[in-house]
Every structure is written in structure tokens, then in C-alpha cells.
Amino acid sequence: MPTPLYSYLPGYQQSFLTINSLLEILVTLINIFHPYNNHNDI
């Protein structure tokens, strides 16, 4: 596999991993709270 472009830039790979982790947390929170948003009419 070719090396990703961000690995050539100093510090960018760590930032990418941090952003990716935050996005995973955000998606998890959305998945947790989404069912409750569908029952607001109760």
C-alpha cells in the first residue's frame, strides 16, 4: 500500500488521529441519543 500523504507532514498524522478519535466519539454520541430524538412526541 502507498504511504498516506499525511505521514509526510510533521505533526499532521497525530492531528489526524486526534480528529479521527473525536469523530468516532461524536458518531457514538449521535447513535446513543438518536433513538431518544425519535420519541420526542411522548
Protein backbone atom coordinates (compact mmCIF):
# COMPACT_ATOMS: atom_id res chain seq x y z
CA MET A 1 0.00 0.00 0.00
CA PRO A 2 1.24 3.54 -0.74
CA THR A 3 2.10 5.67 2.26
CA PRO A 4 -0.67 8.18 3.10
CA LEU A 5 0.19 11.78 2.29
CA TYR A 6 -0.35 12.98 5.86
CA SER A 7 2.51 10.79 7.08
CA TYR A 8 4.95 13.02 5.18
CA LEU A 9 3.93 16.12 7.12
CA PRO A 10 5.35 16.53 10.64
CA GLY A 11 2.66 16.60 13.31
CA TYR A 12 -0.18 16.20 10.84
CA GLN A 13 -0.55 12.47 11.40
CA GLN A 14 -1.04 12.94 15.14
CA SER A 15 -3.61 15.65 14.47
CA PHE A 16 -5.39 13.36 12.01
CA LEU A 17 -5.56 10.59 14.61
CA THR A 18 -6.90 13.02 17.22
CA ILE A 19 -9.59 14.34 14.85
CA ASN A 20 -10.49 10.78 13.86
CA SER A 21 -10.90 9.85 17.53
CA LEU A 22 -13.12 12.88 18.14
CA LEU A 23 -15.26 11.99 15.13
CA GLU A 24 -15.68 8.44 16.43
CA ILE A 25 -16.80 9.81 19.81
CA LEU A 26 -19.21 12.19 18.08
CA VAL A 27 -20.73 9.39 15.98
CA THR A 28 -21.09 7.25 19.11
CA LEU A 29 -22.91 10.04 20.93
CA ILE A 30 -25.22 10.58 17.95
CA ASN A 31 -26.00 6.87 17.84
CA ILE A 32 -26.77 6.89 21.58
CA PHE A 33 -29.04 9.95 21.56
CA HIS A 34 -30.67 9.45 18.15
CA PRO A 35 -33.34 6.96 19.37
CA TYR A 36 -34.40 9.41 22.09
CA ASN A 37 -34.81 12.17 19.49
CA ASN A 38 -37.33 9.98 17.66
CA HIS A 39 -39.58 9.79 20.73
CA ASN A 40 -39.97 13.48 21.49
CA ASP A 41 -43.75 13.20 20.88
CA ILE A 42 -44.22 11.14 24.06
